[in-house]
Structure formats: structure tokens, C-alpha cells
Protein backbone atom coordinates (compact mmCIF):
# COMPACT_ATOMS: atom_id res chain seq x y z
CA UNK A 1 40.79 19.48 19.67
CA UNK A 2 37.13 18.54 19.10
CA UNK A 3 34.67 19.71 21.67
CA UNK A 4 33.69 17.01 24.15
CA UNK A 5 30.03 16.82 25.01
CA UNK A 6 28.91 15.69 28.43
CA UNK A 7 26.60 12.69 28.37
CA UNK A 8 23.02 13.83 28.52
CA UNK A 9 20.33 12.41 30.76
CA UNK A 10 16.73 13.28 30.19
CA UNK A 11 14.60 13.61 33.30
CA UNK A 12 12.59 10.49 32.47
CA UNK A 13 15.71 8.39 31.77
CA UNK A 14 17.52 6.64 34.59
CA UNK A 15 20.63 6.12 32.49
CA UNK A 16 22.89 8.62 30.72
CA UNK A 17 22.94 8.64 26.93
CA UNK A 18 26.60 8.33 26.07
CA UNK A 19 26.49 7.14 22.46
CA UNK A 20 25.95 9.31 19.39
CA UNK A 21 25.27 8.61 15.75
CA UNK A 22 25.71 11.36 13.19
CA UNK A 23 23.69 10.67 10.03
CA UNK A 24 24.33 12.85 6.99
CA UNK A 25 21.70 13.89 4.46
CA UNK A 26 21.65 15.73 1.16
CA UNK A 27 19.39 18.79 0.91
CA UNK A 28 16.37 16.86 -0.38
CA UNK A 29 16.65 14.14 2.25
CA UNK A 30 17.08 16.68 5.04
CA UNK A 31 14.01 18.57 3.84
CA UNK A 32 12.03 15.32 4.07
CA UNK A 33 13.29 14.72 7.62
CA UNK A 34 12.44 18.29 8.62
CA UNK A 35 8.94 18.02 7.15
CA UNK A 36 8.25 14.70 8.86
CA UNK A 37 9.63 16.01 12.16
CA UNK A 38 7.46 19.14 11.94
CA UNK A 39 4.36 17.04 11.21
CA UNK A 40 5.24 14.96 14.28
CA UNK A 41 5.83 18.14 16.31
CA UNK A 42 9.42 17.10 17.01
CA UNK A 43 12.88 18.44 16.36
CA UNK A 44 14.67 16.69 13.45
CA UNK A 45 17.29 15.08 15.73
CA UNK A 46 14.65 13.68 18.06
CA UNK A 47 12.54 12.51 15.15
CA UNK A 48 15.48 10.65 13.57
CA UNK A 49 16.38 9.12 16.96
CA UNK A 50 12.81 7.95 17.64
CA UNK A 51 12.47 6.48 14.13
CA UNK A 52 15.76 4.63 14.47
CA UNK A 53 14.79 3.27 17.89
CA UNK A 54 11.35 2.24 16.66
CA UNK A 55 12.92 0.29 13.81
CA UNK A 56 15.56 -1.22 16.11
CA UNK A 57 12.91 -2.31 18.64
CA UNK A 58 10.77 -4.02 15.99
CA UNK A 59 10.51 -7.80 15.95
CA UNK A 60 12.57 -7.80 12.77
CA UNK A 61 14.65 -4.61 12.67
CA UNK A 62 15.94 -5.41 9.20
CA UNK A 63 12.45 -5.76 7.75
CA UNK A 64 11.83 -2.11 6.90
CA UNK A 65 15.15 -1.61 5.16
CA UNK A 66 15.06 -5.07 3.63
CA UNK A 67 11.52 -4.56 2.30
CA UNK A 68 12.54 -1.25 0.71
CA UNK A 69 15.66 -2.73 -0.85
CA UNK A 70 13.80 -5.81 -2.06
CA UNK A 71 11.14 -3.61 -3.64
CA UNK A 72 13.74 -1.51 -5.46
CA UNK A 73 15.65 -4.61 -6.59
CA UNK A 74 12.43 -6.19 -7.89
CA UNK A 75 11.54 -3.08 -9.84
CA UNK A 76 15.06 -2.77 -11.23
CA UNK A 77 14.94 -6.42 -12.31
CA UNK A 78 11.60 -5.78 -14.02
CA UNK A 79 13.12 -2.76 -15.72
CA UNK A 80 16.06 -4.87 -16.98
CA UNK A 81 13.67 -7.52 -18.29
CA UNK A 82 11.61 -4.91 -20.07
CA UNK A 83 14.80 -3.51 -21.56
CA UNK A 84 15.62 -7.01 -22.84
CA UNK A 85 12.14 -7.26 -24.35
CA UNK A 86 12.71 -3.91 -26.03
CA UNK A 87 16.00 -5.19 -27.43
CA UNK A 88 14.26 -8.29 -28.79
CA UNK A 89 11.57 -6.11 -30.35
CA UNK A 90 14.25 -3.99 -32.03
CA UNK A 91 15.80 -7.13 -33.50
CA UNK A 92 12.36 -8.32 -34.64
CA UNK A 93 11.71 -4.94 -36.25
CA UNK A 94 15.04 -5.08 -38.05
CA UNK A 95 14.20 -8.52 -39.51
CA UNK A 96 10.68 -7.48 -40.46
CA UNK A 97 11.97 -4.36 -42.21
CA UNK A 98 14.71 -6.35 -43.96
CA UNK A 99 12.22 -8.89 -45.30
CA UNK A 100 9.59 -6.23 -46.02
CA UNK A 101 6.77 -8.30 -44.54
CA UNK A 102 4.83 -7.02 -41.52
CA UNK A 103 2.33 -9.68 -40.44
CA UNK A 104 -0.50 -8.18 -38.41
CA UNK A 105 0.90 -4.64 -38.06
CA UNK A 106 -1.89 -3.64 -35.65
CA UNK A 107 -0.88 -6.49 -33.30
CA UNK A 108 2.77 -5.46 -33.46
CA UNK A 109 1.82 -1.83 -32.75
CA UNK A 110 -0.30 -2.82 -29.73
CA UNK A 111 2.55 -4.97 -28.42
CA UNK A 112 5.02 -2.09 -28.77
CA UNK A 113 2.65 0.28 -26.97
CA UNK A 114 2.20 -2.20 -24.11
CA UNK A 115 5.96 -2.60 -23.72
CA UNK A 116 6.50 1.18 -23.76
CA UNK A 117 3.73 1.65 -21.18
CA UNK A 118 5.21 -1.08 -18.97
CA UNK A 119 8.67 0.47 -19.11
CA UNK A 120 7.26 3.90 -18.23
CA UNK A 121 5.27 2.47 -15.29
CA UNK A 122 8.30 0.62 -13.88
CA UNK A 123 10.48 3.73 -14.30
CA UNK A 124 7.87 5.82 -12.49
CA UNK A 125 7.58 3.29 -9.65
CA UNK A 126 11.37 3.14 -9.22
CA UNK A 127 11.59 6.95 -9.18
CA UNK A 128 8.78 7.26 -6.62
CA UNK A 129 10.32 4.70 -4.30
CA UNK A 130 13.86 6.00 -4.53
CA UNK A 131 12.69 9.60 -4.05
CA UNK A 132 10.63 8.56 -1.02
CA UNK A 133 7.19 9.48 -2.35
């Protein structure tokens, strides 16, 4: 039988805390929580609880999560569009090679470099956001 915990009341609280939430983290996520808690001079459980309550008490509690998700979705959409551009460029290259005529090769090269740079920048931004940097 699971151990039953008695509701806990902190000295400054007039009401018992009877409800629990048990978040789960992978090793990297937990390391981030521990680091943030240490910087805040708090225990990880207290830090997570205070962060959750701060978000819940906000005027729009969905804003933080929604902003993060919207940002990731926007970057992923940009990544898909850049992938489509890359596909179009591959088709263009195939036709140019088939016909043997490369009009303005320096312009085509600059365009390809800009697309590659854009894809790399979007990939980096997605990685930074999803890794929490």
C-alpha cells in the first residue's frame, strides 16, 4: 500500500496543502531545474511550485506556455518553408544542368548560400528554444 502523507501546513499558511502534483523530468531537464533552484537559493520542489504558482496567478496563465509553443511552431513553419525552397532549388538545378545553361551563376550561388544560411539559422533557433537556452 502506498505511503500516505499527512497534509502539510507551513507556519505562514492558514490552510493545509492537501494537493500534490508530481512532475517528471529527464536528466537534462532536471539539471536545469536544479541549477535554476540553486540560483534562486531554493530547493527544486519549492522552485517548481513557486514557478507554477507564479504562472497560474498571472493575468493570462496560458501566455507563457502559449508564447513558447507559438514561437516553436513559427520556427518549425519557417523551417518547412525553407525546406520547400530548397526542394524548388534542387528542381531548378536539375533543369539547369539538363539544359546546360546557367544564367548568372554568381547570382544562383549567392541565392543558394542565403538559403543554406537561413536554414542553419532557423535550425539553430529551434534547437536553442527547445533545449531551453
